[in-house]
N, C-alpha and C. Protein backbone atom coordinates (compact mmCIF):
# COMPACT_ATOMS: atom_id res chain seq x y z
N MET A 1 -3.14 17.18 -24.69
CA MET A 1 -3.19 15.84 -24.52
C MET A 1 -4.15 15.44 -23.34
N ASN A 2 -4.97 14.53 -23.48
CA ASN A 2 -5.90 14.23 -22.59
C ASN A 2 -5.70 12.77 -21.97
N GLU A 3 -5.15 12.84 -20.74
CA GLU A 3 -4.75 11.50 -20.13
C GLU A 3 -5.89 11.32 -19.00
N THR A 4 -6.30 10.12 -18.98
CA THR A 4 -7.25 9.70 -17.92
C THR A 4 -6.61 8.78 -16.93
N LEU A 5 -6.63 9.15 -15.75
CA LEU A 5 -5.98 8.33 -14.56
C LEU A 5 -7.11 7.49 -14.04
N THR A 6 -6.84 6.20 -13.83
CA THR A 6 -7.78 5.21 -13.34
C THR A 6 -7.43 5.25 -11.87
N LEU A 7 -8.41 5.05 -10.98
CA LEU A 7 -8.32 4.87 -9.62
C LEU A 7 -7.78 3.52 -9.35
N PRO A 8 -7.02 3.38 -8.25
CA PRO A 8 -6.57 1.97 -7.81
C PRO A 8 -7.67 1.11 -7.44
N ARG A 9 -7.45 -0.22 -7.63
CA ARG A 9 -8.49 -1.16 -7.27
C ARG A 9 -7.89 -1.74 -5.91
N GLU A 10 -8.83 -1.69 -4.94
CA GLU A 10 -8.46 -2.18 -3.57
C GLU A 10 -8.57 -3.72 -3.61
N LEU A 11 -7.46 -4.36 -3.40
CA LEU A 11 -7.30 -5.93 -3.35
C LEU A 11 -7.59 -6.37 -2.04
N ASP A 12 -7.31 -5.76 -0.98
CA ASP A 12 -7.43 -6.36 0.37
C ASP A 12 -7.36 -5.19 1.27
N HIS A 13 -7.97 -5.38 2.51
CA HIS A 13 -7.84 -4.13 3.45
C HIS A 13 -8.15 -4.88 4.96
N ARG A 14 -7.31 -4.32 5.81
CA ARG A 14 -7.43 -4.80 7.23
C ARG A 14 -7.18 -3.56 8.20
N GLU A 15 -7.83 -3.77 9.38
CA GLU A 15 -7.60 -2.82 10.48
C GLU A 15 -7.34 -3.51 11.67
N ASP A 16 -6.36 -2.96 12.57
CA ASP A 16 -6.06 -3.58 13.76
C ASP A 16 -5.28 -2.51 14.74
N GLY A 17 -5.88 -2.32 15.86
CA GLY A 17 -5.18 -1.37 16.83
C GLY A 17 -4.98 -0.03 16.30
N GLY A 18 -6.01 0.55 15.48
CA GLY A 18 -5.93 1.77 14.96
C GLY A 18 -5.05 2.09 13.71
N VAL A 19 -4.55 0.81 13.15
CA VAL A 19 -3.85 0.88 11.94
C VAL A 19 -4.61 0.33 10.82
N SER A 20 -4.73 1.02 9.75
CA SER A 20 -5.46 0.64 8.56
C SER A 20 -4.51 0.37 7.50
N VAL A 21 -4.67 -0.85 6.79
CA VAL A 21 -3.69 -1.20 5.84
C VAL A 21 -4.51 -1.62 4.63
N THR A 22 -4.19 -1.01 3.46
CA THR A 22 -4.90 -1.32 2.18
C THR A 22 -3.89 -1.73 1.03
N LEU A 23 -4.21 -2.74 0.36
CA LEU A 23 -3.40 -3.19 -0.74
C LEU A 23 -4.03 -2.77 -1.95
N LEU A 24 -3.32 -2.03 -2.83
CA LEU A 24 -3.91 -1.45 -3.98
C LEU A 24 -3.18 -1.90 -5.20
N TRP A 25 -4.03 -2.02 -6.31
CA TRP A 25 -3.33 -2.33 -7.61
C TRP A 25 -3.73 -1.26 -8.57
N TYR A 26 -2.72 -0.68 -9.18
CA TYR A 26 -2.91 0.41 -10.27
C TYR A 26 -2.90 -0.23 -11.70
N GLU A 27 -4.03 -0.41 -12.15
CA GLU A 27 -4.21 -1.24 -13.51
C GLU A 27 -3.48 -0.56 -14.69
N ASP A 28 -3.64 0.76 -14.79
CA ASP A 28 -2.98 1.40 -15.83
C ASP A 28 -1.35 1.29 -15.86
N SER A 29 -0.77 1.22 -14.84
CA SER A 29 0.69 0.97 -14.73
C SER A 29 1.08 -0.35 -14.17
N ASN A 30 0.17 -1.23 -13.83
CA ASN A 30 0.41 -2.54 -13.17
C ASN A 30 1.16 -2.45 -12.01
N ARG A 31 1.11 -1.40 -11.08
CA ARG A 31 1.82 -1.22 -9.96
C ARG A 31 1.03 -1.75 -8.76
N VAL A 32 1.73 -2.30 -7.78
CA VAL A 32 1.09 -2.59 -6.53
C VAL A 32 1.65 -1.77 -5.40
N ALA A 33 0.75 -1.36 -4.46
CA ALA A 33 1.27 -0.55 -3.27
C ALA A 33 0.47 -0.92 -2.21
N VAL A 34 1.06 -0.59 -1.00
CA VAL A 34 0.44 -0.79 0.24
C VAL A 34 0.33 0.69 0.95
N HIS A 35 -0.89 1.03 1.27
CA HIS A 35 -1.19 2.23 1.99
C HIS A 35 -1.58 2.06 3.55
N VAL A 36 -0.72 2.71 4.32
CA VAL A 36 -0.96 2.41 5.76
C VAL A 36 -1.35 3.77 6.46
N VAL A 37 -2.42 3.78 7.28
CA VAL A 37 -2.78 4.93 8.06
C VAL A 37 -2.87 4.53 9.53
N ASP A 38 -1.98 5.18 10.39
CA ASP A 38 -2.04 4.99 11.83
C ASP A 38 -3.04 6.21 12.37
N THR A 39 -4.15 5.83 12.90
CA THR A 39 -5.14 6.83 13.35
C THR A 39 -4.72 7.37 14.59
N GLN A 40 -3.91 6.79 15.35
CA GLN A 40 -3.36 7.28 16.50
C GLN A 40 -2.32 8.36 16.44
N THR A 41 -1.39 8.11 15.52
CA THR A 41 -0.37 9.20 15.31
C THR A 41 -0.59 10.00 14.12
N GLY A 42 -1.42 9.64 13.29
CA GLY A 42 -1.76 10.36 12.01
C GLY A 42 -0.81 10.08 10.97
N GLU A 43 0.27 9.25 11.20
CA GLU A 43 1.14 8.89 10.17
C GLU A 43 0.54 8.10 9.04
N GLU A 44 0.95 8.47 7.77
CA GLU A 44 0.52 7.58 6.55
C GLU A 44 1.84 7.25 5.86
N LEU A 45 1.76 6.15 5.30
CA LEU A 45 2.74 5.42 4.64
C LEU A 45 2.28 4.80 3.32
N ASP A 46 3.06 5.03 2.28
CA ASP A 46 2.79 4.52 1.06
C ASP A 46 3.97 3.66 0.44
N LEU A 47 3.80 2.47 0.17
CA LEU A 47 4.96 1.70 -0.27
C LEU A 47 4.68 1.03 -1.59
N GLU A 48 5.40 1.13 -2.62
CA GLU A 48 5.26 0.45 -3.82
C GLU A 48 6.01 -0.83 -3.68
N VAL A 49 5.49 -1.90 -4.07
CA VAL A 49 6.10 -3.32 -3.85
C VAL A 49 6.00 -4.05 -5.14
N ALA A 50 6.89 -4.99 -5.44
CA ALA A 50 6.89 -5.87 -6.39
C ALA A 50 5.65 -6.84 -6.24
N GLY A 51 5.04 -7.22 -7.30
CA GLY A 51 3.85 -8.13 -7.24
C GLY A 51 3.94 -9.39 -6.45
N PRO A 52 5.21 -10.03 -6.46
CA PRO A 52 5.33 -11.27 -5.79
C PRO A 52 5.49 -11.10 -4.21
N ASP A 53 5.71 -9.84 -3.89
CA ASP A 53 5.87 -9.47 -2.51
C ASP A 53 4.65 -8.75 -1.95
N ALA A 54 3.65 -8.72 -2.73
CA ALA A 54 2.47 -7.80 -2.24
C ALA A 54 1.78 -8.36 -0.96
N MET A 55 1.48 -9.51 -0.93
CA MET A 55 0.76 -10.08 0.34
C MET A 55 1.71 -9.95 1.49
N ASP A 56 2.99 -10.24 1.37
CA ASP A 56 3.92 -10.14 2.52
C ASP A 56 3.99 -8.65 2.97
N ALA A 57 3.96 -7.88 2.01
CA ALA A 57 4.12 -6.39 2.44
C ALA A 57 2.76 -5.92 3.04
N PHE A 58 1.80 -6.50 2.67
CA PHE A 58 0.41 -6.15 3.23
C PHE A 58 0.28 -6.57 4.64
N GLN A 59 0.85 -7.77 4.89
CA GLN A 59 0.88 -8.30 6.26
C GLN A 59 1.94 -7.72 7.23
N HIS A 60 2.97 -7.14 6.57
CA HIS A 60 4.16 -6.62 7.40
C HIS A 60 4.62 -5.31 6.74
N PRO A 61 3.84 -4.28 6.69
CA PRO A 61 4.22 -3.01 5.95
C PRO A 61 5.34 -2.31 6.71
N TYR A 62 5.54 -2.37 8.05
CA TYR A 62 6.45 -1.62 8.55
C TYR A 62 7.83 -2.20 8.42
N ALA A 63 7.92 -3.56 8.24
CA ALA A 63 9.15 -4.25 7.89
C ALA A 63 9.59 -3.90 6.45
N TYR A 64 8.61 -3.64 5.64
CA TYR A 64 8.95 -3.23 4.21
C TYR A 64 9.37 -1.71 4.15
N ARG A 65 8.86 -0.94 5.11
CA ARG A 65 9.29 0.33 5.19
C ARG A 65 10.73 0.43 5.51
N LEU A 66 11.06 -0.40 6.48
CA LEU A 66 12.49 -0.44 6.82
C LEU A 66 13.59 -0.94 5.54
N LEU A 67 12.97 -1.87 4.98
CA LEU A 67 13.64 -2.32 3.55
C LEU A 67 13.84 -1.28 2.72
N ALA A 68 12.81 -0.42 2.51
CA ALA A 68 12.81 0.60 1.59
C ALA A 68 13.83 1.68 1.96
N ALA A 69 13.98 2.00 3.22
CA ALA A 69 14.85 2.98 3.69
C ALA A 69 16.25 2.49 3.65
N ALA A 70 16.52 1.27 3.50
CA ALA A 70 18.00 0.76 3.70
C ALA A 70 18.67 0.93 2.31
């Protein structure tokens, strides 16, 4: 079986205080995710979010990490 994975499309990106946040859309599965990289600590975080919550999660990824852990 030959499956082709498509790369995610970057919908938005921001950086502030050593934290890089990228909003991604995976067209093949219609998933939305937020990818966070803290360059000071080396921590990386990937959060899959519902489409209607995408921009809020993009603006407040650490709050969504807490919600995902609950």
